[in-house]
């Protein structure tokens, strides 16, 4: 399933996520810190979506209550709700 999530509270504006059989196949952020977000994307691709959420949920960026990794978790949770 492919899903585009509109982020909130981060420099990135959206995340394109593809999950097949519970495995994250592709992640692409729009906007944000390009190098860091490429790194996050490559690290999580091939991982079970539940493991990504377990590891990254709740990460904050500075004083912000969220971060790009945390927004990825919100995207994965939103995808699961739509399935």
PDB file of N, CA and C in Angstrom:
ATOM      1  N   UNK A   1       0.844  -1.176   0.000  1.00  0.00           N
ATOM      2  CA  UNK A   1       0.000   0.000   0.000  1.00  0.00           C
ATOM      3  C   UNK A   1       0.890   1.239   0.000  1.00  0.00           C
ATOM      4  N   UNK A   2       0.540   2.186  -0.826  1.00  0.00           N
ATOM      5  CA  UNK A   2       1.255   3.464  -0.862  1.00  0.00           C
ATOM      6  C   UNK A   2       0.409   4.510  -0.159  1.00  0.00           C
ATOM      7  N   UNK A   3       1.065   5.382   0.605  1.00  0.00           N
ATOM      8  CA  UNK A   3       0.349   6.375   1.397  1.00  0.00           C
ATOM      9  C   UNK A   3       1.172   7.653   1.415  1.00  0.00           C
ATOM     10  N   UNK A   4       0.511   8.795   1.271  1.00  0.00           N
ATOM     11  CA  UNK A   4       1.173  10.093   1.396  1.00  0.00           C
ATOM     12  C   UNK A   4       0.616  10.760   2.641  1.00  0.00           C
ATOM     13  N   UNK A   5       1.504  11.063   3.558  1.00  0.00           N
ATOM     14  CA  UNK A   5       1.126  11.650   4.841  1.00  0.00           C
ATOM     15  C   UNK A   5       1.606  13.092   4.897  1.00  0.00           C
ATOM     16  N   UNK A   6       0.707  14.010   5.219  1.00  0.00           N
ATOM     17  CA  UNK A   6       1.048  15.424   5.371  1.00  0.00           C
ATOM     18  C   UNK A   6       1.544  15.650   6.799  1.00  0.00           C
ATOM     19  N   UNK A   7       2.821  15.972   6.931  1.00  0.00           N
ATOM     20  CA  UNK A   7       3.411  16.117   8.256  1.00  0.00           C
ATOM     21  C   UNK A   7       2.931  17.396   8.941  1.00  0.00           C
ATOM     22  N   UNK A   8       3.091  17.423  10.252  1.00  0.00           N
ATOM     23  CA  UNK A   8       2.732  18.588  11.047  1.00  0.00           C
ATOM     24  C   UNK A   8       3.837  18.861  12.052  1.00  0.00           C
ATOM     25  N   UNK A   9       4.268  20.116  12.133  1.00  0.00           N
ATOM     26  CA  UNK A   9       5.237  20.515  13.140  1.00  0.00           C
ATOM     27  C   UNK A   9       6.682  20.210  12.800  1.00  0.00           C
ATOM     28  N   UNK A  10       6.968  19.899  11.527  1.00  0.00           N
ATOM     29  CA  UNK A  10       8.348  19.604  11.122  1.00  0.00           C
ATOM     30  C   UNK A  10       8.708  20.401   9.877  1.00  0.00           C
ATOM     31  N   UNK A  11       9.992  20.417   9.554  1.00  0.00           N
ATOM     32  CA  UNK A  11      10.461  21.098   8.346  1.00  0.00           C
ATOM     33  C   UNK A  11      10.016  20.357   7.087  1.00  0.00           C
ATOM     34  N   UNK A  12       9.913  19.041   7.166  1.00  0.00           N
ATOM     35  CA  UNK A  12       9.389  18.284   6.022  1.00  0.00           C
ATOM     36  C   UNK A  12       7.889  18.559   5.919  1.00  0.00           C
ATOM     37  N   UNK A  13       7.354  18.462   4.700  1.00  0.00           N
ATOM     38  CA  UNK A  13       5.943  18.767   4.501  1.00  0.00           C
ATOM     39  C   UNK A  13       5.094  17.527   4.249  1.00  0.00           C
ATOM     40  N   UNK A  14       5.721  16.457   3.769  1.00  0.00           N
ATOM     41  CA  UNK A  14       4.987  15.221   3.545  1.00  0.00           C
ATOM     42  C   UNK A  14       5.944  14.037   3.505  1.00  0.00           C
ATOM     43  N   UNK A  15       5.357  12.845   3.664  1.00  0.00           N
ATOM     44  CA  UNK A  15       6.125  11.605   3.592  1.00  0.00           C
ATOM     45  C   UNK A  15       5.363  10.651   2.692  1.00  0.00           C
ATOM     46  N   UNK A  16       6.051  10.105   1.693  1.00  0.00           N
ATOM     47  CA  UNK A  16       5.487   9.071   0.830  1.00  0.00           C
ATOM     48  C   UNK A  16       6.009   7.738   1.358  1.00  0.00           C
ATOM     49  N   UNK A  17       5.095   6.844   1.733  1.00  0.00           N
ATOM     50  CA  UNK A  17       5.476   5.573   2.341  1.00  0.00           C
ATOM     51  C   UNK A  17       4.821   4.425   1.582  1.00  0.00           C
ATOM     52  N   UNK A  18       5.603   3.381   1.326  1.00  0.00           N
ATOM     53  CA  UNK A  18       5.056   2.154   0.757  1.00  0.00           C
ATOM     54  C   UNK A  18       5.342   1.026   1.733  1.00  0.00           C
ATOM     55  N   UNK A  19       4.275   0.319   2.128  1.00  0.00           N
ATOM     56  CA  UNK A  19       4.383  -0.822   3.032  1.00  0.00           C
ATOM     57  C   UNK A  19       3.695  -2.008   2.350  1.00  0.00           C
ATOM     58  N   UNK A  20       4.395  -3.134   2.297  1.00  0.00           N
ATOM     59  CA  UNK A  20       3.835  -4.362   1.734  1.00  0.00           C
ATOM     60  C   UNK A  20       3.998  -5.486   2.746  1.00  0.00           C
ATOM     61  N   UNK A  21       2.909  -6.139   3.078  1.00  0.00           N
ATOM     62  CA  UNK A  21       2.915  -7.252   4.030  1.00  0.00           C
ATOM     63  C   UNK A  21       3.587  -6.874   5.347  1.00  0.00           C
ATOM     64  N   UNK A  22       3.345  -5.642   5.798  1.00  0.00           N
ATOM     65  CA  UNK A  22       3.879  -5.189   7.077  1.00  0.00           C
ATOM     66  C   UNK A  22       5.325  -4.741   7.047  1.00  0.00           C
ATOM     67  N   UNK A  23       5.961  -4.762   5.866  1.00  0.00           N
ATOM     68  CA  UNK A  23       7.374  -4.372   5.729  1.00  0.00           C
ATOM     69  C   UNK A  23       7.454  -3.030   5.009  1.00  0.00           C
ATOM     70  N   UNK A  24       8.238  -2.113   5.548  1.00  0.00           N
ATOM     71  CA  UNK A  24       8.439  -0.816   4.910  1.00  0.00           C
ATOM     72  C   UNK A  24       9.321  -1.027   3.680  1.00  0.00           C
ATOM     73  N   UNK A  25       8.782  -0.701   2.521  1.00  0.00           N
ATOM     74  CA  UNK A  25       9.508  -0.891   1.263  1.00  0.00           C
ATOM     75  C   UNK A  25      10.153   0.390   0.761  1.00  0.00           C
ATOM     76  N   UNK A  26       9.525   1.527   1.048  1.00  0.00           N
ATOM     77  CA  UNK A  26      10.040   2.806   0.536  1.00  0.00           C
ATOM     78  C   UNK A  26       9.558   3.944   1.419  1.00  0.00           C
ATOM     79  N   UNK A  27      10.447   4.901   1.658  1.00  0.00           N
ATOM     80  CA  UNK A  27      10.100   6.125   2.388  1.00  0.00           C
ATOM     81  C   UNK A  27      10.777   7.283   1.677  1.00  0.00           C
ATOM     82  N   UNK A  28      10.011   8.326   1.370  1.00  0.00           N
ATOM     83  CA  UNK A  28      10.579   9.533   0.761  1.00  0.00           C
ATOM     84  C   UNK A  28       9.924  10.756   1.403  1.00  0.00           C
ATOM     85  N   UNK A  29      10.750  11.610   1.959  1.00  0.00           N
ATOM     86  CA  UNK A  29      10.273  12.847   2.569  1.00  0.00           C
ATOM     87  C   UNK A  29      10.319  13.973   1.546  1.00  0.00           C
ATOM     88  N   UNK A  30       9.401  14.927   1.676  1.00  0.00           N
ATOM     89  CA  UNK A  30       9.435  16.158   0.898  1.00  0.00           C
ATOM     90  C   UNK A  30       9.818  17.262   1.866  1.00  0.00           C
ATOM     91  N   UNK A  31      10.883  17.982   1.530  1.00  0.00           N
ATOM     92  CA  UNK A  31      11.373  19.040   2.408  1.00  0.00           C
ATOM     93  C   UNK A  31      12.198  18.460   3.549  1.00  0.00           C
ATOM     94  N   UNK A  32      12.573  19.328   4.466  1.00  0.00           N
ATOM     95  CA  UNK A  32      13.348  18.885   5.622  1.00  0.00           C
ATOM     96  C   UNK A  32      14.840  18.793   5.340  1.00  0.00           C
ATOM     97  N   UNK A  33      15.567  18.176   6.238  1.00  0.00           N
ATOM     98  CA  UNK A  33      17.024  18.016   6.146  1.00  0.00           C
ATOM     99  C   UNK A  33      17.335  16.820   5.250  1.00  0.00           C
ATOM    100  N   UNK A  34      17.608  17.099   4.002  1.00  0.00           N
ATOM    101  CA  UNK A  34      17.696  16.069   2.970  1.00  0.00           C
ATOM    102  C   UNK A  34      18.612  14.901   3.346  1.00  0.00           C
ATOM    103  N   UNK A  35      19.814  15.170   3.783  1.00  0.00           N
ATOM    104  CA  UNK A  35      20.754  14.092   4.110  1.00  0.00           C
ATOM    105  C   UNK A  35      20.269  13.227   5.258  1.00  0.00           C
ATOM    106  N   UNK A  36      19.808  13.851   6.324  1.00  0.00           N
ATOM    107  CA  UNK A  36      19.317  13.090   7.477  1.00  0.00           C
ATOM    108  C   UNK A  36      18.097  12.254   7.116  1.00  0.00           C
ATOM    109  N   UNK A  37      17.208  12.817   6.325  1.00  0.00           N
ATOM    110  CA  UNK A  37      15.986  12.096   5.978  1.00  0.00           C
ATOM    111  C   UNK A  37      16.261  10.955   4.998  1.00  0.00           C
ATOM    112  N   UNK A  38      17.253  11.123   4.135  1.00  0.00           N
ATOM    113  CA  UNK A  38      17.663  10.008   3.284  1.00  0.00           C
ATOM    114  C   UNK A  38      18.212   8.884   4.151  1.00  0.00           C
ATOM    115  N   UNK A  39      18.975   9.251   5.165  1.00  0.00           N
ATOM    116  CA  UNK A  39      19.533   8.251   6.073  1.00  0.00           C
ATOM    117  C   UNK A  39      18.451   7.491   6.809  1.00  0.00           C
ATOM    118  N   UNK A  40      17.478   8.205   7.351  1.00  0.00           N
ATOM    119  CA  UNK A  40      16.364   7.552   8.046  1.00  0.00           C
ATOM    120  C   UNK A  40      15.641   6.616   7.089  1.00  0.00           C
ATOM    121  N   UNK A  41      15.366   7.110   5.885  1.00  0.00           N
ATOM    122  CA  UNK A  41      14.642   6.309   4.896  1.00  0.00           C
ATOM    123  C   UNK A  41      15.370   5.009   4.599  1.00  0.00           C
ATOM    124  N   UNK A  42      16.649   5.091   4.362  1.00  0.00           N
ATOM    125  CA  UNK A  42      17.424   3.889   4.030  1.00  0.00           C
ATOM    126  C   UNK A  42      17.528   2.925   5.204  1.00  0.00           C
ATOM    127  N   UNK A  43      17.588   3.459   6.410  1.00  0.00           N
ATOM    128  CA  UNK A  43      17.676   2.595   7.581  1.00  0.00           C
ATOM    129  C   UNK A  43      16.391   1.821   7.838  1.00  0.00           C
ATOM    130  N   UNK A  44      15.239   2.441   7.587  1.00  0.00           N
ATOM    131  CA  UNK A  44      13.977   1.770   7.908  1.00  0.00           C
ATOM    132  C   UNK A  44      13.451   0.889   6.780  1.00  0.00           C
ATOM    133  N   UNK A  45      13.909   1.124   5.561  1.00  0.00           N
ATOM    134  CA  UNK A  45      13.439   0.291   4.449  1.00  0.00           C
ATOM    135  C   UNK A  45      13.868  -1.147   4.680  1.00  0.00           C
ATOM    136  N   UNK A  46      12.922  -2.059   4.580  1.00  0.00           N
ATOM    137  CA  UNK A  46      13.162  -3.477   4.841  1.00  0.00           C
ATOM    138  C   UNK A  46      12.792  -3.905   6.249  1.00  0.00           C
ATOM    139  N   UNK A  47      12.482  -2.940   7.112  1.00  0.00           N
ATOM    140  CA  UNK A  47      12.103  -3.253   8.494  1.00  0.00           C
ATOM    141  C   UNK A  47      10.591  -3.437   8.603  1.00  0.00           C
ATOM    142  N   UNK A  48      10.151  -4.252   9.561  1.00  0.00           N
ATOM    143  CA  UNK A  48       8.714  -4.319   9.841  1.00  0.00           C
ATOM    144  C   UNK A  48       8.234  -2.943  10.321  1.00  0.00           C
ATOM    145  N   UNK A  49       7.070  -2.522   9.844  1.00  0.00           N
ATOM    146  CA  UNK A  49       6.531  -1.214  10.215  1.00  0.00           C
ATOM    147  C   UNK A  49       6.390  -1.083  11.732  1.00  0.00           C
ATOM    148  N   UNK A  50       5.980  -2.154  12.397  1.00  0.00           N
ATOM    149  CA  UNK A  50       5.823  -2.107  13.858  1.00  0.00           C
ATOM    150  C   UNK A  50       7.154  -1.842  14.557  1.00  0.00           C
ATOM    151  N   UNK A  51       8.241  -2.372  14.018  1.00  0.00           N
ATOM    152  CA  UNK A  51       9.566  -2.147  14.606  1.00  0.00           C
ATOM    153  C   UNK A  51      10.000  -0.696  14.412  1.00  0.00           C
ATOM    154  N   UNK A  52       9.678  -0.121  13.266  1.00  0.00           N
ATOM    155  CA  UNK A  52       9.993   1.292  13.018  1.00  0.00           C
ATOM    156  C   UNK A  52       9.289   2.145  14.062  1.00  0.00           C
ATOM    157  N   UNK A  53       8.016   1.894  14.283  1.00  0.00           N
ATOM    158  CA  UNK A  53       7.247   2.658  15.274  1.00  0.00           C
ATOM    159  C   UNK A  53       7.843   2.469  16.662  1.00  0.00           C
ATOM    160  N   UNK A  54       8.177   1.249  16.999  1.00  0.00           N
ATOM    161  CA  UNK A  54       8.747   0.942  18.314  1.00  0.00           C
ATOM    162  C   UNK A  54      10.043   1.730  18.558  1.00  0.00           C
ATOM    163  N   UNK A  55      10.867   1.858  17.528  1.00  0.00           N
ATOM    164  CA  UNK A  55      12.171   2.518  17.684  1.00  0.00           C
ATOM    165  C   UNK A  55      12.127   4.033  17.573  1.00  0.00           C
ATOM    166  N   UNK A  56      11.218   4.577  16.747  1.00  0.00           N
ATOM    167  CA  UNK A  56      11.283   6.002  16.430  1.00  0.00           C
ATOM    168  C   UNK A  56      10.182   6.865  17.025  1.00  0.00           C
ATOM    169  N   UNK A  57       9.107   6.262  17.488  1.00  0.00           N
ATOM    170  CA  UNK A  57       7.989   7.051  18.000  1.00  0.00           C
ATOM    171  C   UNK A  57       8.410   7.867  19.222  1.00  0.00           C
ATOM    172  N   UNK A  58       7.993   9.116  19.238  1.00  0.00           N
ATOM    173  CA  UNK A  58       8.253   9.985  20.387  1.00  0.00           C
ATOM    174  C   UNK A  58       9.539  10.787  20.303  1.00  0.00           C
ATOM    175  N   UNK A  59      10.349  10.571  19.265  1.00  0.00           N
ATOM    176  CA  UNK A  59      11.568  11.366  19.108  1.00  0.00           C
ATOM    177  C   UNK A  59      11.174  12.815  18.856  1.00  0.00           C
ATOM    178  N   UNK A  60      11.860  13.715  19.519  1.00  0.00           N
ATOM    179  CA  UNK A  60      11.586  15.143  19.373  1.00  0.00           C
ATOM    180  C   UNK A  60      12.731  15.818  18.635  1.00  0.00           C
ATOM    181  N   UNK A  61      12.428  16.948  17.990  1.00  0.00           N
ATOM    182  CA  UNK A  61      13.437  17.746  17.301  1.00  0.00           C
ATOM    183  C   UNK A  61      13.569  19.063  18.053  1.00  0.00           C
ATOM    184  N   UNK A  62      14.654  19.187  18.796  1.00  0.00           N
ATOM    185  CA  UNK A  62      14.834  20.395  19.603  1.00  0.00           C
ATOM    186  C   UNK A  62      13.690  20.559  20.576  1.00  0.00           C
ATOM    187  N   UNK A  63      13.078  21.730  20.581  1.00  0.00           N
ATOM    188  CA  UNK A  63      11.952  22.003  21.484  1.00  0.00           C
ATOM    189  C   UNK A  63      10.605  21.620  20.887  1.00  0.00           C
ATOM    190  N   UNK A  64      10.622  21.166  19.644  1.00  0.00           N
ATOM    191  CA  UNK A  64       9.364  20.766  18.999  1.00  0.00           C
ATOM    192  C   UNK A  64       8.851  19.480  19.649  1.00  0.00           C
ATOM    193  N   UNK A  65       7.536  19.317  19.717  1.00  0.00           N
ATOM    194  CA  UNK A  65       6.978  18.108  20.334  1.00  0.00           C
ATOM    195  C   UNK A  65       7.031  16.882  19.421  1.00  0.00           C
ATOM    196  N   UNK A  66       7.553  17.037  18.212  1.00  0.00           N
ATOM    197  CA  UNK A  66       7.629  15.944  17.254  1.00  0.00           C
ATOM    198  C   UNK A  66       8.918  16.073  16.440  1.00  0.00           C
ATOM    199  N   UNK A  67       9.097  15.182  15.492  1.00  0.00           N
ATOM    200  CA  UNK A  67      10.268  15.198  14.618  1.00  0.00           C
ATOM    201  C   UNK A  67       9.904  14.469  13.336  1.00  0.00           C
ATOM    202  N   UNK A  68      10.794  14.485  12.362  1.00  0.00           N
ATOM    203  CA  UNK A  68      10.533  13.740  11.124  1.00  0.00           C
ATOM    204  C   UNK A  68      10.436  12.233  11.374  1.00  0.00           C
ATOM    205  N   UNK A  69      11.284  11.635  12.226  1.00  0.00           N
ATOM    206  CA  UNK A  69      11.096  10.214  12.529  1.00  0.00           C
ATOM    207  C   UNK A  69       9.759   9.944  13.229  1.00  0.00           C
ATOM    208  N   UNK A  70       9.362  10.815  14.138  1.00  0.00           N
ATOM    209  CA  UNK A  70       8.087  10.660  14.836  1.00  0.00           C
ATOM    210  C   UNK A  70       6.924  10.791  13.856  1.00  0.00           C
ATOM    211  N   UNK A  71       7.040  11.707  12.907  1.00  0.00           N
ATOM    212  CA  UNK A  71       5.990  11.871  11.899  1.00  0.00           C
ATOM    213  C   UNK A  71       5.887  10.633  11.009  1.00  0.00           C
ATOM    214  N   UNK A  72       7.005   9.968  10.754  1.00  0.00           N
ATOM    215  CA  UNK A  72       6.957   8.705  10.010  1.00  0.00           C
ATOM    216  C   UNK A  72       6.121   7.681  10.775  1.00  0.00           C
ATOM    217  N   UNK A  73       6.271   7.638  12.074  1.00  0.00           N
ATOM    218  CA  UNK A  73       5.477   6.718  12.896  1.00  0.00           C
ATOM    219  C   UNK A  73       3.994   7.064  12.808  1.00  0.00           C
ATOM    220  N   UNK A  74       3.678   8.347  12.820  1.00  0.00           N
ATOM    221  CA  UNK A  74       2.287   8.764  12.677  1.00  0.00           C
ATOM    222  C   UNK A  74       1.750   8.344  11.308  1.00  0.00           C
ATOM    223  N   UNK A  75       2.583   8.446  10.275  1.00  0.00           N
ATOM    224  CA  UNK A  75       2.175   8.019   8.938  1.00  0.00           C
ATOM    225  C   UNK A  75       1.901   6.518   8.919  1.00  0.00           C
ATOM    226  N   UNK A  76       2.772   5.741   9.536  1.00  0.00           N
ATOM    227  CA  UNK A  76       2.586   4.285   9.563  1.00  0.00           C
ATOM    228  C   UNK A  76       1.323   3.909  10.332  1.00  0.00           C
ATOM    229  N   UNK A  77       1.056   4.601  11.423  1.00  0.00           N
ATOM    230  CA  UNK A  77      -0.164   4.334  12.196  1.00  0.00           C
ATOM    231  C   UNK A  77      -1.406   4.719  11.374  1.00  0.00           C
ATOM    232  N   UNK A  78      -1.330   5.846  10.665  1.00  0.00           N
ATOM    233  CA  UNK A  78      -2.458   6.280   9.837  1.00  0.00           C
ATOM    234  C   UNK A  78      -2.705   5.273   8.706  1.00  0.00           C
ATOM    235  N   UNK A  79      -1.650   4.737   8.145  1.00  0.00           N
ATOM    236  CA  UNK A  79      -1.794   3.728   7.084  1.00  0.00           C
ATOM    237  C   UNK A  79      -2.517   2.502   7.614  1.00  0.00           C
ATOM    238  N   UNK A  80      -2.131   2.074   8.790  1.00  0.00           N
ATOM    239  CA  UNK A  80      -2.730   0.873   9.390  1.00  0.00           C
ATOM    240  C   UNK A  80      -4.231   1.088   9.635  1.00  0.00           C
ATOM    241  N   UNK A  81      -4.593   2.311  10.015  1.00  0.00           N
ATOM    242  CA  UNK A  81      -5.996   2.619  10.272  1.00  0.00           C
ATOM    243  C   UNK A  81      -6.833   2.587   8.986  1.00  0.00           C
ATOM    244  N   UNK A  82      -6.198   2.874   7.851  1.00  0.00           N
ATOM    245  CA  UNK A  82      -6.901   2.919   6.566  1.00  0.00           C
ATOM    246  C   UNK A  82      -7.064   1.535   5.955  1.00  0.00           C
ATOM    247  N   UNK A  83      -6.142   0.624   6.274  1.00  0.00           N
ATOM    248  CA  UNK A  83      -6.154  -0.712   5.675  1.00  0.00           C
ATOM    249  C   UNK A  83      -7.458  -1.445   5.869  1.00  0.00           C
TER     250      UNK A  83
END
